[in-house]
Amino acid sequence: MAWTPLRTKSFVVKDGEIIDNGGGVGVLFNWWDEIEESEQWQRGIYYALCASYALVSFIALVQLLRIQLRVPEYGWTTQKVFHLMNFIVNGLRAVLFGLYKSVFLIRPKELHMVLMELPTLLFFSTYTLLVLFWAEIYHQARSLPTNKLRPAYYVINGLIYIIQVCIWIFIRLSRSPVAVETAKLFFSVISFSVALGFLIYGGRLFVMLRHFPIESRGRQKKLYEVGFVTGICCTCFLIRCVMLAFSAFDKGTDFDILDHPILNLIYYLLVEIVPSALVLFILRKLPPRRVSDQYYPIR
């Protein structure tokens, strides 16, 4: 029996570079490095992130104005606050990426962390507000008390902000890599908790809606709305959880660094830009107009 020689690809490491004699992986590594070291690519990627965030922020503002014009007498409802916070978070990200050089090279380093992590905290507050809204709907439908839900939202968010401020102070005073790892792991745990909150209350609301009579008005649309938003938010927060946990121990996957534009593009697209745009699109329906006290609809 004749033996057929096996062709394999060989890799050579020369002066810190990976050379792939087969022409595949080495080219990919070189392409990745060229982009990360290219000032033009950095400018293009960060300005693309700036434009994307600005667009999402503009959409949130337009939706907020539409709701306000539709029902101005309702005051600041949960829906209005949610869109306002989306406008602020995405607008702040747009400014930061628009001034990416100044932000990434700012000193001290702790100030850079504050600037990049503050929108993350606001993003958590924005979407935990949506969890609160669903929790209130579920409790009201089940005739359960709702008076403790909103105070719990304020207390939990307040504690998260206080702990994060303490972590920033600890990083400033200690200047230890352990402190930076602690900050990333803290955000990772928060992300997992938010994903769990969406899974619990989004899942409960979805199951409750499925048990409504089929002829119930808007039942099917609400099912899709709750199901899709739950899936999108759970996925984006779980991705953030995993990626932050990896970056805490692997410097090669660190975000918010000037020389990692591709990682920043992938990260922020997956965990903020695309989820926010999809959620705003799904929740685009305006609330019904308020019926005048002097007139009643014809039945």
Protein backbone atom coordinates (compact mmCIF):
# COMPACT_ATOMS: atom_id res chain seq x y z
CA MET A 1 0.00 0.00 0.00
CA ALA A 2 1.46 3.37 -1.00
CA TRP A 3 1.64 6.06 1.58
CA THR A 4 0.20 9.47 0.60
CA PRO A 5 2.14 12.34 2.12
CA LEU A 6 0.10 14.71 4.28
CA ARG A 7 0.43 18.40 3.50
CA THR A 8 0.48 20.61 6.56
CA LYS A 9 0.86 24.30 7.14
CA SER A 10 3.91 25.44 9.02
CA PHE A 11 4.30 28.53 11.14
CA VAL A 12 7.53 30.40 11.78
CA VAL A 13 8.01 33.02 14.46
CA LYS A 14 10.49 35.65 13.36
CA ASP A 15 11.24 38.88 15.22
CA GLY A 16 7.96 38.61 17.10
CA GLU A 17 5.89 38.15 13.90
CA ILE A 18 3.91 35.09 12.86
CA ILE A 19 4.74 33.92 9.35
CA ASP A 20 2.32 31.36 7.92
CA ASN A 21 3.90 29.35 5.10
CA GLY A 22 0.39 28.24 4.13
CA GLY A 23 -0.64 31.86 3.63
CA GLY A 24 -3.77 31.83 5.82
CA VAL A 25 -3.57 32.60 9.52
CA GLY A 26 -0.44 34.72 9.23
CA VAL A 27 -2.12 37.03 6.74
CA LEU A 28 -5.08 37.38 9.10
CA PHE A 29 -2.81 38.29 12.02
CA ASN A 30 -0.91 40.79 9.89
CA TRP A 31 -4.16 42.35 8.66
CA TRP A 32 -5.44 42.69 12.24
CA ASP A 33 -2.18 44.28 13.40
CA GLU A 34 -2.08 46.67 10.45
CA ILE A 35 -5.57 47.94 11.24
CA GLU A 36 -4.82 48.39 14.93
CA GLU A 37 -1.62 50.30 14.18
CA SER A 38 -3.10 52.41 11.37
CA GLU A 39 -4.16 55.90 12.38
CA GLN A 40 -6.53 56.10 9.40
CA TRP A 41 -8.31 52.88 10.39
CA GLN A 42 -8.53 54.06 14.00
CA ARG A 43 -10.04 57.36 12.89
CA GLY A 44 -12.53 55.63 10.59
CA ILE A 45 -13.65 53.07 13.18
CA TYR A 46 -14.03 55.51 16.06
CA TYR A 47 -15.86 58.06 13.92
CA ALA A 48 -18.13 55.25 12.70
CA LEU A 49 -18.93 54.42 16.34
CA CYS A 50 -19.53 58.12 16.97
CA ALA A 51 -21.96 58.35 14.04
CA SER A 52 -23.77 55.14 15.08
CA TYR A 53 -24.29 56.34 18.64
CA ALA A 54 -25.40 59.77 17.41
CA LEU A 55 -27.99 58.13 15.15
CA VAL A 56 -29.40 55.97 17.97
CA SER A 57 -29.45 59.02 20.26
CA PHE A 58 -31.33 61.03 17.62
CA ILE A 59 -33.88 58.23 17.16
CA ALA A 60 -34.48 58.11 20.94
CA LEU A 61 -34.96 61.91 21.02
CA VAL A 62 -37.42 61.84 18.11
CA GLN A 63 -39.40 59.07 19.80
CA LEU A 64 -39.42 61.02 23.08
CA LEU A 65 -40.77 64.12 21.29
CA ARG A 66 -43.42 62.03 19.51
CA ILE A 67 -44.62 60.61 22.84
CA GLN A 68 -44.63 64.06 24.45
CA LEU A 69 -46.70 65.53 21.61
CA ARG A 70 -49.08 62.55 21.77
CA VAL A 71 -49.75 62.64 25.53
CA PRO A 72 -48.29 65.85 27.02
CA GLU A 73 -50.65 65.70 30.00
CA TYR A 74 -49.17 62.45 31.37
CA GLY A 75 -45.96 64.04 32.64
CA TRP A 76 -42.75 62.01 32.92
CA THR A 77 -43.92 58.44 32.46
CA THR A 78 -41.59 55.42 32.56
CA GLN A 79 -41.69 55.28 28.75
CA LYS A 80 -40.58 58.92 28.44
CA VAL A 81 -37.78 58.51 30.98
CA PHE A 82 -36.56 55.37 29.18
CA HIS A 83 -36.24 57.23 25.88
CA LEU A 84 -34.66 60.25 27.58
CA MET A 85 -32.00 58.05 29.19
CA ASN A 86 -31.35 56.34 25.85
CA PHE A 87 -30.83 59.77 24.30
CA ILE A 88 -28.37 60.76 27.07
CA VAL A 89 -26.40 57.49 27.10
CA ASN A 90 -25.97 57.26 23.34
CA GLY A 91 -25.32 60.98 23.00
CA LEU A 92 -22.59 60.80 25.62
CA ARG A 93 -20.98 57.82 23.86
CA ALA A 94 -21.10 59.74 20.56
CA VAL A 95 -19.23 62.67 22.12
CA LEU A 96 -16.61 60.39 23.68
CA PHE A 97 -15.89 58.55 20.43
CA GLY A 98 -15.98 61.80 18.49
CA LEU A 99 -13.16 63.04 20.76
CA TYR A 100 -11.53 59.59 20.93
CA LYS A 101 -7.91 60.78 20.91
CA SER A 102 -8.39 63.20 23.77
CA VAL A 103 -10.44 60.66 25.74
CA PHE A 104 -8.12 57.65 25.30
CA LEU A 105 -4.95 59.65 25.99
CA ILE A 106 -6.33 61.66 28.91
CA ARG A 107 -4.36 61.62 32.16
CA PRO A 108 -4.65 60.49 34.85
CA LYS A 109 -5.78 57.07 33.59
CA GLU A 110 -8.47 56.91 36.25
CA LEU A 111 -10.24 59.88 34.65
CA HIS A 112 -10.32 57.97 31.36
CA MET A 113 -11.95 55.04 33.17
CA VAL A 114 -14.59 57.33 34.70
CA LEU A 115 -15.43 58.85 31.31
CA MET A 116 -15.79 55.44 29.62
CA GLU A 117 -17.57 53.66 32.48
CA LEU A 118 -20.10 56.36 33.39
CA PRO A 119 -22.16 55.74 30.20
CA THR A 120 -22.03 52.03 31.04
CA LEU A 121 -23.61 52.73 34.44
CA LEU A 122 -26.27 54.90 32.78
CA PHE A 123 -26.92 52.11 30.25
CA PHE A 124 -27.56 49.70 33.14
CA SER A 125 -29.93 52.18 34.79
CA THR A 126 -31.77 52.67 31.49
CA TYR A 127 -32.46 48.99 30.92
CA THR A 128 -33.13 48.09 34.55
CA LEU A 129 -35.85 50.74 34.25
CA LEU A 130 -37.40 48.54 31.57
CA VAL A 131 -37.16 45.55 33.94
CA LEU A 132 -38.90 47.67 36.60
CA PHE A 133 -41.67 48.58 34.13
CA TRP A 134 -42.30 44.91 33.30
CA ALA A 135 -42.18 43.95 36.98
CA GLU A 136 -44.85 46.54 37.78
CA ILE A 137 -47.08 45.26 34.96
CA TYR A 138 -46.68 41.67 36.14
CA HIS A 139 -47.37 42.50 39.79
CA GLN A 140 -50.44 44.58 38.92
CA ALA A 141 -51.82 41.80 36.69
CA ARG A 142 -51.32 39.27 39.49
CA SER A 143 -52.76 41.62 42.14
CA LEU A 144 -49.40 41.66 43.91
CA PRO A 145 -48.08 44.71 45.82
CA THR A 146 -46.04 47.11 43.70
CA ASN A 147 -45.15 49.74 46.30
CA LYS A 148 -41.70 48.24 46.97
CA LEU A 149 -40.58 47.80 43.35
CA ARG A 150 -39.70 51.41 42.55
CA PRO A 151 -37.85 52.04 45.86
CA ALA A 152 -35.92 48.80 45.23
CA TYR A 153 -34.91 50.13 41.79
CA TYR A 154 -33.59 53.37 43.33
CA VAL A 155 -31.76 51.56 46.15
CA ILE A 156 -30.12 48.98 43.87
CA ASN A 157 -28.99 51.60 41.35
CA GLY A 158 -27.77 53.88 44.14
CA LEU A 159 -25.70 51.09 45.67
CA ILE A 160 -24.16 50.23 42.29
CA TYR A 161 -23.11 53.86 41.74
CA ILE A 162 -21.68 54.12 45.27
CA ILE A 163 -19.70 50.88 44.91
CA GLN A 164 -18.38 51.98 41.52
CA VAL A 165 -17.25 55.35 42.93
CA CYS A 166 -15.44 53.48 45.73
CA ILE A 167 -13.74 51.28 43.10
CA TRP A 168 -12.60 54.37 41.18
CA ILE A 169 -11.16 55.85 44.37
CA PHE A 170 -9.46 52.53 45.18
CA ILE A 171 -7.91 52.43 41.69
CA ARG A 172 -6.66 56.01 42.10
CA LEU A 173 -5.10 55.36 45.50
CA SER A 174 -3.69 51.87 44.94
CA ARG A 175 -2.67 52.09 41.25
CA SER A 176 -2.83 48.30 41.25
CA PRO A 177 -3.82 46.07 38.31
CA VAL A 178 -5.95 44.11 40.78
CA ALA A 179 -8.15 47.17 41.26
CA VAL A 180 -8.74 47.44 37.50
CA GLU A 181 -9.57 43.73 37.34
CA THR A 182 -12.01 44.21 40.22
CA ALA A 183 -13.77 47.02 38.33
CA LYS A 184 -14.21 44.85 35.23
CA LEU A 185 -15.44 41.87 37.24
CA PHE A 186 -17.88 44.15 39.06
CA PHE A 187 -19.37 45.24 35.73
CA SER A 188 -19.42 41.61 34.62
CA VAL A 189 -21.46 40.61 37.68
CA ILE A 190 -23.85 43.53 37.15
CA SER A 191 -24.33 42.52 33.52
CA PHE A 192 -25.19 38.96 34.55
CA SER A 193 -27.65 40.27 37.15
CA VAL A 194 -29.43 42.49 34.60
CA ALA A 195 -29.64 39.58 32.14
CA LEU A 196 -31.15 37.49 34.92
CA GLY A 197 -33.67 40.24 35.70
CA PHE A 198 -34.79 40.34 32.07
CA LEU A 199 -35.04 36.56 32.00
CA ILE A 200 -37.15 36.42 35.18
CA TYR A 201 -39.61 39.26 34.57
CA GLY A 202 -39.58 39.10 30.77
CA GLY A 203 -40.18 35.36 31.00
CA ARG A 204 -42.96 35.76 33.57
CA LEU A 205 -44.69 38.44 31.51
CA PHE A 206 -44.35 36.34 28.36
CA VAL A 207 -45.90 33.28 30.03
CA MET A 208 -48.70 35.41 31.52
CA LEU A 209 -49.53 36.91 28.11
CA ARG A 210 -49.64 33.44 26.54
CA HIS A 211 -52.36 32.46 29.00
CA PHE A 212 -54.53 35.43 28.01
CA PRO A 213 -57.52 34.61 25.78
CA ILE A 214 -56.55 34.45 22.09
CA GLU A 215 -59.06 37.16 21.23
CA SER A 216 -57.49 39.59 23.72
CA ARG A 217 -56.69 42.87 21.99
CA GLY A 218 -53.02 43.24 21.13
CA ARG A 219 -52.07 39.93 22.78
CA GLN A 220 -50.02 38.58 19.88
CA LYS A 221 -48.19 41.86 19.32
CA LYS A 222 -47.31 42.16 23.00
CA LEU A 223 -46.07 38.56 22.99
CA TYR A 224 -43.65 39.33 20.17
CA GLU A 225 -42.62 42.61 21.81
CA VAL A 226 -41.84 41.09 25.20
CA GLY A 227 -40.23 37.98 23.70
CA PHE A 228 -37.92 39.82 21.31
CA VAL A 229 -36.88 42.52 23.81
CA THR A 230 -36.19 39.87 26.47
CA GLY A 231 -34.06 37.86 24.07
CA ILE A 232 -32.13 40.90 22.80
CA CYS A 233 -31.41 42.34 26.25
CA CYS A 234 -30.48 38.97 27.80
CA THR A 235 -28.09 38.29 24.93
CA CYS A 236 -26.38 41.69 24.98
CA PHE A 237 -25.86 41.68 28.76
CA LEU A 238 -24.57 38.11 28.74
CA ILE A 239 -22.12 39.01 25.95
CA ARG A 240 -20.94 41.99 28.01
CA CYS A 241 -20.60 39.75 31.07
CA VAL A 242 -18.41 37.21 29.26
CA MET A 243 -16.27 39.75 27.39
CA LEU A 244 -15.59 41.81 30.52
CA ALA A 245 -14.65 38.69 32.47
CA PHE A 246 -12.16 37.71 29.73
CA SER A 247 -10.69 41.22 29.50
CA ALA A 248 -10.13 41.31 33.25
CA PHE A 249 -7.49 38.58 32.97
CA ASP A 250 -6.32 38.90 29.35
CA LYS A 251 -4.75 42.22 28.37
CA GLY A 252 -4.99 41.22 24.71
CA THR A 253 -8.78 41.51 24.88
CA ASP A 254 -8.82 44.82 26.76
CA PHE A 255 -11.35 47.40 25.59
CA ASP A 256 -11.34 51.19 25.72
CA ILE A 257 -7.76 51.28 24.42
CA LEU A 258 -6.76 53.45 21.45
CA ASP A 259 -4.80 50.61 19.80
CA HIS A 260 -7.74 48.15 19.90
CA PRO A 261 -10.22 49.74 17.44
CA ILE A 262 -11.54 46.44 16.05
CA LEU A 263 -12.24 45.05 19.52
CA ASN A 264 -13.98 48.29 20.48
CA LEU A 265 -16.07 48.18 17.31
CA ILE A 266 -17.18 44.58 17.88
CA TYR A 267 -17.76 45.10 21.60
CA TYR A 268 -19.84 48.27 21.42
CA LEU A 269 -21.83 47.08 18.41
CA LEU A 270 -22.81 43.88 20.19
CA VAL A 271 -23.50 45.21 23.68
CA GLU A 272 -24.96 48.68 23.10
CA ILE A 273 -25.53 50.02 19.57
CA VAL A 274 -27.36 47.13 17.91
CA PRO A 275 -29.42 46.15 21.02
CA SER A 276 -30.45 49.78 21.64
CA ALA A 277 -31.48 50.30 18.01
CA LEU A 278 -33.50 47.08 17.96
CA VAL A 279 -35.24 47.80 21.27
CA LEU A 280 -36.14 51.35 20.19
CA PHE A 281 -37.56 49.95 16.95
CA ILE A 282 -39.62 47.28 18.72
CA LEU A 283 -40.95 49.77 21.33
CA ARG A 284 -41.73 52.46 18.75
CA LYS A 285 -45.52 52.27 19.26
CA LEU A 286 -47.00 55.45 20.71
CA PRO A 287 -49.33 55.33 23.74
CA PRO A 288 -53.06 55.82 23.07
CA ARG A 289 -54.42 59.34 23.24
CA ARG A 290 -56.17 60.32 26.45
CA VAL A 291 -59.94 60.48 26.13
CA SER A 292 -61.49 63.74 27.30
CA ASP A 293 -63.40 63.62 30.58
CA GLN A 294 -66.37 65.26 28.89
CA TYR A 295 -66.72 62.81 26.04
CA TYR A 296 -66.89 59.04 25.90
CA PRO A 297 -65.99 56.73 23.04
CA ILE A 298 -68.86 55.19 21.04
CA ARG A 299 -69.09 51.47 21.78
